[in-house]
Protein backbone atom coordinates (compact mmCIF):
# COMPACT_ATOMS: atom_id res chain seq x y z
CA MET A 1 -15.17 19.20 -13.76
CA PRO A 2 -12.68 22.04 -13.21
CA GLY A 3 -9.26 21.51 -14.56
CA GLY A 4 -10.39 19.67 -18.09
CA PRO A 5 -13.29 18.72 -20.23
CA PRO A 6 -16.05 16.72 -18.88
CA THR A 7 -15.86 13.12 -17.96
CA ASN A 8 -18.45 9.83 -18.39
CA ASP A 9 -19.39 9.24 -14.60
CA ASN A 10 -21.63 6.36 -15.14
CA THR A 11 -20.60 3.24 -13.01
CA ASP A 12 -20.86 -0.56 -14.01
CA PRO A 13 -20.24 -3.54 -11.61
CA PRO A 14 -16.48 -3.88 -10.94
CA ALA A 15 -14.40 -6.71 -12.10
CA PRO A 16 -13.38 -9.08 -9.39
CA LEU A 17 -9.99 -8.72 -7.53
CA VAL A 18 -8.61 -12.02 -8.05
CA SER A 19 -5.14 -13.74 -7.82
CA SER A 20 -2.41 -13.20 -10.58
CA PHE A 21 -2.68 -17.04 -11.57
CA ARG A 22 -6.53 -16.88 -12.04
CA VAL A 23 -6.21 -13.73 -14.26
CA ARG A 24 -3.65 -15.66 -16.47
CA ALA A 25 -5.92 -18.59 -16.27
CA ASP A 26 -8.83 -16.43 -17.29
CA ALA A 27 -7.06 -14.66 -20.14
CA GLY A 28 -5.85 -18.03 -21.61
CA GLU A 29 -2.76 -19.02 -23.25
CA PRO A 30 -1.25 -15.81 -25.03
CA VAL A 31 -0.96 -15.62 -28.87
CA ALA A 32 0.40 -11.99 -29.56
CA VAL A 33 1.88 -10.00 -27.28
CA VAL A 34 3.77 -6.70 -27.52
CA ARG A 35 5.85 -5.72 -24.36
CA VAL A 36 8.08 -2.84 -23.35
CA ARG A 37 10.34 -3.07 -20.25
CA ASN A 38 11.53 -0.62 -17.84
CA LEU A 39 11.04 2.62 -19.10
CA GLN A 40 12.62 4.89 -17.01
CA GLY A 41 11.43 8.14 -15.45
CA ALA A 42 11.79 10.28 -12.13
CA ILE A 43 9.02 11.90 -10.18
CA PRO A 44 8.26 12.63 -6.42
CA VAL A 45 5.82 9.69 -5.67
CA GLY A 46 5.13 7.26 -2.94
CA ARG A 47 7.48 6.99 0.21
CA ASP A 48 11.49 6.57 -0.43
CA ALA A 49 13.51 3.81 1.37
CA TRP A 50 13.09 5.79 4.85
CA GLY A 51 9.34 6.20 4.36
CA ARG A 52 9.03 9.96 3.28
CA SER A 53 6.78 11.11 1.05
CA GLY A 54 7.00 13.47 -1.53
CA LYS A 55 10.89 12.63 -2.48
CA LEU A 56 12.22 12.54 -5.96
CA GLN A 57 12.89 8.90 -6.69
CA PRO A 58 13.54 6.78 -10.34
CA VAL A 59 10.55 5.01 -11.71
CA LEU A 60 10.38 2.18 -14.11
CA LEU A 61 7.68 1.28 -16.00
CA SER A 62 6.96 -1.90 -17.92
CA SER A 63 3.79 -3.37 -20.00
CA GLU A 64 2.45 -6.45 -21.58
CA ILE A 65 -0.20 -6.29 -24.01
CA SER A 66 -1.82 -9.58 -24.87
CA PHE A 67 -4.09 -9.58 -28.00
CA ALA A 68 -7.06 -11.44 -28.56
CA GLN A 69 -6.20 -12.73 -32.26
CA PRO A 70 -2.66 -13.60 -33.68
CA PHE A 71 -0.65 -11.15 -35.86
CA SER A 72 -0.93 -13.64 -38.95
CA GLY A 73 -3.59 -15.43 -40.71
CA ASN A 74 -6.29 -12.77 -40.47
CA ALA A 75 -5.95 -11.21 -43.99
CA ALA A 76 -9.89 -11.70 -44.61
CA SER A 77 -10.75 -9.60 -41.64
CA SER A 78 -9.83 -5.68 -41.37
CA SER A 79 -10.95 -5.59 -37.75
CA VAL A 80 -7.82 -7.75 -36.46
CA SER A 81 -4.25 -7.62 -37.23
CA ALA A 82 -2.41 -9.04 -40.59
CA SER A 83 0.78 -7.39 -39.39
CA GLY A 84 2.44 -10.63 -39.56
CA ASP A 85 1.68 -11.39 -43.00
CA THR A 86 1.64 -7.70 -44.43
CA ASP A 87 4.76 -6.34 -42.57
CA LYS A 88 2.87 -3.25 -41.88
CA LEU A 89 1.56 -2.10 -38.46
CA ASP A 90 -2.08 -1.77 -38.35
CA ALA A 91 -5.14 -1.25 -35.71
CA GLY A 92 -4.43 -5.24 -34.34
CA THR A 93 -1.27 -4.22 -32.66
CA VAL A 94 0.31 -1.30 -31.10
CA HIS A 95 3.47 0.68 -32.08
CA TYR A 96 5.81 0.17 -29.16
CA GLY A 97 7.28 3.69 -29.66
CA ASN A 98 4.07 4.99 -29.16
CA LEU A 99 3.23 2.87 -26.03
CA SER A 100 6.55 4.11 -24.36
CA LYS A 101 5.45 7.67 -25.13
CA THR A 102 1.86 7.56 -23.78
CA LEU A 103 3.48 5.92 -20.31
CA LEU A 104 6.12 8.43 -20.36
CA SER A 105 4.14 11.51 -20.96
CA SER A 106 1.44 10.57 -18.24
CA LEU A 107 4.54 9.74 -15.91
CA GLU A 108 6.03 13.27 -16.69
CA LEU A 109 2.59 15.04 -15.67
CA TRP A 110 3.26 14.44 -12.15
CA GLY A 111 6.87 15.46 -12.36
CA GLN A 112 5.72 18.98 -13.41
CA GLY A 113 4.59 19.88 -9.85
CA ARG A 114 1.57 21.46 -11.30
CA PRO A 115 -0.81 19.28 -13.20
CA SER A 116 -2.12 21.84 -15.55
CA ALA A 117 1.10 23.48 -16.39
CA GLY A 118 1.40 21.53 -19.63
CA GLY A 119 -1.49 23.15 -21.84
CA ALA A 120 -4.52 21.62 -22.80
CA GLU A 121 -3.20 17.97 -22.88
CA SER A 122 -1.96 18.28 -19.50
CA SER A 123 -5.15 19.71 -18.17
CA GLY A 124 -7.28 16.99 -19.54
CA LEU A 125 -4.48 14.30 -17.77
CA ALA A 126 -4.92 16.27 -14.84
CA ALA A 127 -8.71 15.89 -15.12
CA SER A 128 -8.27 12.13 -15.41
CA ALA A 129 -6.21 11.96 -12.33
CA ILE A 130 -8.70 13.78 -10.27
CA VAL A 131 -11.61 11.39 -11.80
CA ALA A 132 -9.60 8.14 -11.04
CA THR A 133 -8.37 9.12 -7.38
CA GLY A 134 -11.44 11.01 -6.30
CA SER A 135 -9.24 14.21 -4.97
CA ALA A 136 -7.69 17.01 -6.70
CA ALA A 137 -5.52 17.38 -3.28
CA GLU A 138 -4.18 13.96 -4.27
CA VAL A 139 -2.94 15.25 -8.05
CA LYS A 140 -0.23 17.60 -6.04
CA THR A 141 1.31 14.65 -3.83
CA PRO A 142 0.68 11.29 -5.37
CA ARG A 143 0.48 8.01 -3.96
CA THR A 144 2.14 5.25 -5.98
CA ALA A 145 -1.39 4.09 -6.56
CA ASP A 146 -2.65 7.54 -7.76
CA VAL A 147 0.04 7.78 -10.60
CA PHE A 148 -0.85 3.98 -11.40
CA GLU A 149 -4.55 4.60 -11.75
CA LEU A 150 -3.61 7.53 -14.36
CA LEU A 151 -1.05 5.35 -16.31
CA TRP A 152 -4.04 2.76 -16.59
CA VAL A 153 -6.83 5.44 -17.41
CA ARG A 154 -4.45 6.64 -20.39
CA MET A 155 -3.96 3.10 -21.65
CA THR A 156 -7.86 1.73 -21.31
CA GLY A 157 -10.11 5.03 -20.36
CA ARG A 158 -11.33 3.22 -17.41
CA VAL A 159 -10.29 3.04 -13.69
CA VAL A 160 -8.39 0.01 -12.55
CA ASP A 161 -11.33 -2.40 -11.90
CA GLY A 162 -13.02 -1.26 -15.07
CA SER A 163 -16.09 0.14 -13.39
CA ARG A 164 -16.12 3.52 -15.03
CA ILE A 165 -14.77 5.44 -17.63
CA ALA A 166 -11.98 8.47 -16.33
CA LEU A 167 -10.77 9.77 -19.44
CA PRO A 168 -12.27 13.14 -20.62
CA LEU A 169 -14.91 12.60 -23.24
CA ASP A 170 -12.71 14.73 -25.89
CA GLN A 171 -9.85 11.92 -25.43
CA LEU A 172 -9.63 8.20 -26.58
CA PRO A 173 -7.42 5.53 -24.88
CA PHE A 174 -4.22 4.48 -26.01
CA LEU A 175 -5.80 0.86 -26.51
CA ASP A 176 -8.97 -0.83 -27.76
CA ALA A 177 -10.46 -3.12 -25.32
CA ALA A 178 -12.15 -4.92 -27.93
CA LYS A 179 -9.05 -6.09 -29.24
CA LEU A 180 -7.31 -7.18 -25.96
CA ARG A 181 -6.85 -10.63 -24.18
CA SER A 182 -5.03 -9.13 -21.30
CA LEU A 183 -3.02 -6.24 -20.13
CA SER A 184 -0.34 -5.95 -17.72
CA LEU A 185 1.17 -2.72 -16.13
CA THR A 186 4.34 -2.74 -13.46
CA MET A 187 5.45 0.50 -11.69
CA SER A 188 8.80 -0.28 -9.95
CA LEU A 189 10.47 2.18 -7.35
CA PRO A 190 13.95 0.63 -7.37
CA LYS A 191 15.13 3.05 -4.56
CA ALA A 192 12.22 2.75 -2.55
CA SER A 193 13.63 -0.33 -0.02
CA LEU A 194 16.36 0.06 2.33
CA LEU A 195 17.68 -3.44 2.18
CA GLY A 196 16.32 -4.84 -1.18
CA ALA A 197 16.33 -3.95 -4.65
CA GLY A 198 13.15 -2.03 -4.88
CA VAL A 199 9.43 -2.39 -4.87
CA SER A 200 6.85 -2.77 -7.49
CA LEU A 201 3.16 -2.56 -7.92
CA THR A 202 1.62 -4.65 -10.87
CA THR A 203 -1.78 -5.00 -12.24
CA THR A 204 -2.98 -7.64 -14.71
CA ALA A 205 -6.51 -7.76 -16.57
CA SER A 206 -8.00 -10.20 -18.34
CA PHE A 207 -10.86 -8.96 -20.97
CA ARG A 208 -13.97 -10.72 -21.75
CA ASP A 209 -14.38 -12.44 -25.12
CA ASP A 210 -18.03 -11.35 -25.46
CA PHE A 211 -16.70 -7.60 -25.35
CA SER A 212 -14.23 -8.24 -28.21
CA LYS A 213 -17.22 -9.46 -30.38
CA GLY A 214 -19.04 -6.18 -29.98
CA GLY A 215 -20.48 -6.44 -26.66
CA ASP A 216 -20.05 -2.61 -25.95
CA LYS A 217 -21.68 -1.46 -28.90
CA THR A 218 -25.66 -2.08 -28.79
CA ASP A 219 -28.15 -0.02 -26.73
CA ASP A 220 -28.95 -3.08 -24.50
CA ASP A 221 -25.56 -3.33 -23.23
CA LYS A 222 -25.15 0.53 -22.79
CA SER A 223 -27.55 0.08 -19.93
CA SER A 224 -26.23 -3.16 -18.51
CA SER A 225 -23.26 -4.51 -16.60
CA SER A 226 -21.49 -5.70 -20.03
CA LYS A 227 -19.85 -1.97 -20.74
CA ASN A 228 -16.89 -2.97 -18.37
CA PRO A 229 -14.57 -4.99 -20.51
CA LEU A 230 -13.00 -6.71 -17.86
CA ARG A 231 -13.40 -10.37 -16.72
CA SER A 232 -11.08 -10.02 -13.96
CA TYR A 233 -7.95 -8.31 -12.51
CA SER A 234 -5.25 -8.81 -9.99
CA ARG A 235 -3.04 -6.38 -8.16
CA ALA A 236 0.38 -7.26 -6.48
CA LEU A 237 2.82 -5.57 -4.34
CA ARG A 238 6.30 -6.97 -4.23
CA ILE A 239 9.31 -6.28 -2.27
CA GLN A 240 12.05 -7.69 -3.83
CA GLY A 241 15.85 -8.74 -2.92
CA LEU A 242 15.77 -7.87 0.82
CA HIS A 243 19.18 -8.85 2.10
CA VAL A 244 18.79 -9.75 5.84
CA PRO A 245 21.53 -11.28 8.03
CA THR A 246 19.78 -14.08 9.59
CA LEU A 247 20.53 -17.27 12.08
CA ILE A 248 19.40 -20.28 9.85
CA GLY A 249 20.41 -23.66 9.00
CA VAL A 250 20.89 -27.13 10.00
CA ASN A 251 24.37 -27.76 9.96
CA SER A 252 26.62 -27.09 13.29
CA ASN A 253 28.27 -24.48 11.23
CA GLU A 254 25.44 -22.42 10.39
CA ARG A 255 24.30 -22.01 14.13
CA LYS A 256 27.66 -20.22 14.96
CA ALA A 257 26.70 -17.23 13.03
CA LYS A 258 24.06 -15.11 11.06
CA GLN A 259 24.40 -15.83 7.14
CA MET A 260 22.91 -13.53 4.31
CA VAL A 261 19.46 -14.41 3.43
CA VAL A 262 17.63 -12.97 0.38
CA ALA A 263 13.95 -12.47 0.59
CA ASP A 264 11.47 -11.81 -2.34
CA VAL A 265 8.04 -11.04 -0.76
CA GLU A 266 4.74 -10.56 -2.75
CA ILE A 267 1.45 -9.65 -1.48
CA ASP A 268 -1.31 -10.64 -4.37
CA ARG A 269 -4.74 -9.31 -4.39
CA PHE A 270 -3.00 -6.51 -2.82
CA ASP A 271 -6.38 -3.98 -2.21
CA VAL A 272 -4.52 -0.85 -0.29
CA ALA A 273 -4.09 2.24 -2.07
CA ASP A 274 -1.55 3.88 0.57
CA ASP A 275 2.26 3.53 0.26
CA ILE A 276 2.64 0.78 3.05
CA TYR A 277 5.75 -0.96 1.74
CA SER A 278 8.06 0.55 3.88
CA ASP A 279 6.03 -0.70 6.92
CA LEU A 280 5.93 -4.07 5.47
CA GLU A 281 9.55 -4.04 4.81
CA ARG A 282 10.18 -3.34 8.48
CA THR A 283 7.99 -6.17 9.35
CA ILE A 284 9.68 -8.60 7.15
CA VAL A 285 13.15 -7.77 8.31
CA GLU A 286 12.36 -7.74 11.89
CA THR A 287 10.76 -11.26 11.73
CA MET A 288 14.11 -12.48 9.80
CA GLU A 289 16.49 -11.15 12.22
CA ALA A 290 14.81 -12.49 15.07
CA SER A 291 14.95 -16.15 13.41
CA SER A 292 16.42 -19.01 14.75
CA PHE A 293 14.91 -21.55 12.59
CA GLU A 294 16.93 -24.42 11.19
CA THR A 295 14.91 -24.54 7.77
CA LEU A 296 13.96 -21.96 5.26
CA GLU A 297 10.59 -23.84 5.13
CA ALA A 298 9.90 -22.58 8.82
CA LEU A 299 11.34 -19.15 8.28
CA ALA A 300 9.15 -18.62 4.88
CA SER A 301 6.44 -19.73 6.95
CA GLN A 302 6.89 -17.53 9.77
CA VAL A 303 7.29 -14.44 7.53
CA ALA A 304 3.92 -15.28 5.63
CA ASN A 305 2.02 -15.58 9.12
CA LYS A 306 3.44 -12.65 10.38
CA ILE A 307 2.20 -10.39 7.47
CA LEU A 308 -1.03 -12.19 7.57
CA SER A 309 -1.79 -12.13 11.10
CA ASP A 310 -0.03 -9.52 12.87
CA PHE A 311 0.56 -6.67 10.43
CA ARG A 312 -1.99 -4.00 10.72
CA ILE A 313 -2.54 -0.83 8.48
CA GLY A 314 -3.05 2.28 10.75
CA ASP A 315 -5.76 1.94 13.32
CA SER A 316 -7.53 -0.71 11.79
CA PRO A 317 -7.37 -3.77 14.10
CA ALA A 318 -8.21 -6.19 11.15
CA PRO A 319 -5.39 -8.75 10.22
CA MET A 320 -4.54 -9.08 6.31
CA LYS A 321 -5.77 -12.48 6.14
CA GLU A 322 -9.44 -10.99 6.59
CA ARG A 323 -8.60 -8.73 3.35
CA GLY A 324 -7.94 -11.92 1.34
CA TRP A 325 -4.33 -11.29 0.86
CA GLN A 326 -2.34 -14.04 -0.65
CA VAL A 327 1.32 -13.87 0.41
CA ARG A 328 4.25 -15.25 -1.19
CA VAL A 329 7.56 -15.71 0.12
CA CYS A 330 10.78 -16.81 -1.29
CA LEU A 331 14.06 -17.27 0.70
CA GLU A 332 17.61 -17.95 -0.58
CA LYS A 333 20.75 -18.85 0.92
CA PRO A 334 23.33 -17.51 -1.47
CA ILE A 335 26.22 -19.02 0.51
CA ALA A 336 24.79 -22.40 1.39
CA VAL A 337 25.79 -24.46 -1.37
CA PRO A 338 29.27 -23.52 -2.69
CA PHE A 339 28.82 -24.79 -6.38
CA ALA A 340 25.28 -23.23 -6.77
CA GLU A 341 23.99 -19.81 -7.08
CA CYS A 342 21.80 -20.41 -4.12
CA PRO A 343 19.13 -22.92 -2.69
CA ALA A 344 15.56 -21.44 -2.39
CA VAL A 345 12.46 -22.14 -0.84
CA GLU A 346 9.14 -20.57 -1.58
CA VAL A 347 5.83 -20.69 0.03
CA THR A 348 2.30 -19.41 -0.52
CA MET A 349 -0.40 -18.32 2.17
CA GLY A 350 -3.52 -16.69 2.65
CA SER A 351 -6.77 -16.87 0.52
């Protein structure tokens, strides 16, 4: 592979794309978690608030790592963490400083403009990006999904659905999948929305119990589907904090003028690699601006239905409900109740 060391191209069956709720249920109750929230960087990625591609914009990265075993009570085993008992970091946990460095170094690769300009390590990262996205051209002008895929590869060694190894053979992933219960990674673009607080893409994966017990170690496993460590994964796009003047309300005074409604819209089981959040925001805003509903329940249902039934991607005639999207719409009326921050209504529709 030009641009870096060889990679392992063997393909395993992908993990199923399911809802975020299903992934959390598959992972079970967490017992040991390390988080880092809102690491800050800036790269040209995706689309900006006006839908333009290739523009420099701020990026926030957050990650949550849930380990299969607790941090204490494991003194008899060297393969899991005893850091809660020894007060020392060990192989059963992660140093959150190193976690931060791993994420930021991957993000900075894209900001260099030339993926191979950072020496041997950057050359290997560029190879990872090409393997993960399938195209060297995409490395130069990344979509949000391309950057996200590279971050996931650096963390786990595999593409997001776990179906293949995408890290060069001379590199090790930051995390050992055998020690994980679940992993969540969020990439936020706080300036990518005209009327909102930003957009974000989140992937959460649950890991198989049998994998943590050595399911990737035997010769039989190497020729079977058990090499994929994931049980399931979810992918969710969120457009948050949209402030839209809307005619809404039951009371007579509310029928006289529009009031501000704040919308959070989440697309779960999101299966699209292209950056379509600007188009989705336009659909949401136009639907709310045209509203004359009395209830938030009706308006939220209308927004969800509009996305599932009427929204299209490019020239494809297929509605989003056929893709299996699950749409969650939360609407708030900040000024409706004087002595409350806001009343809110939330609906979820779709598969």
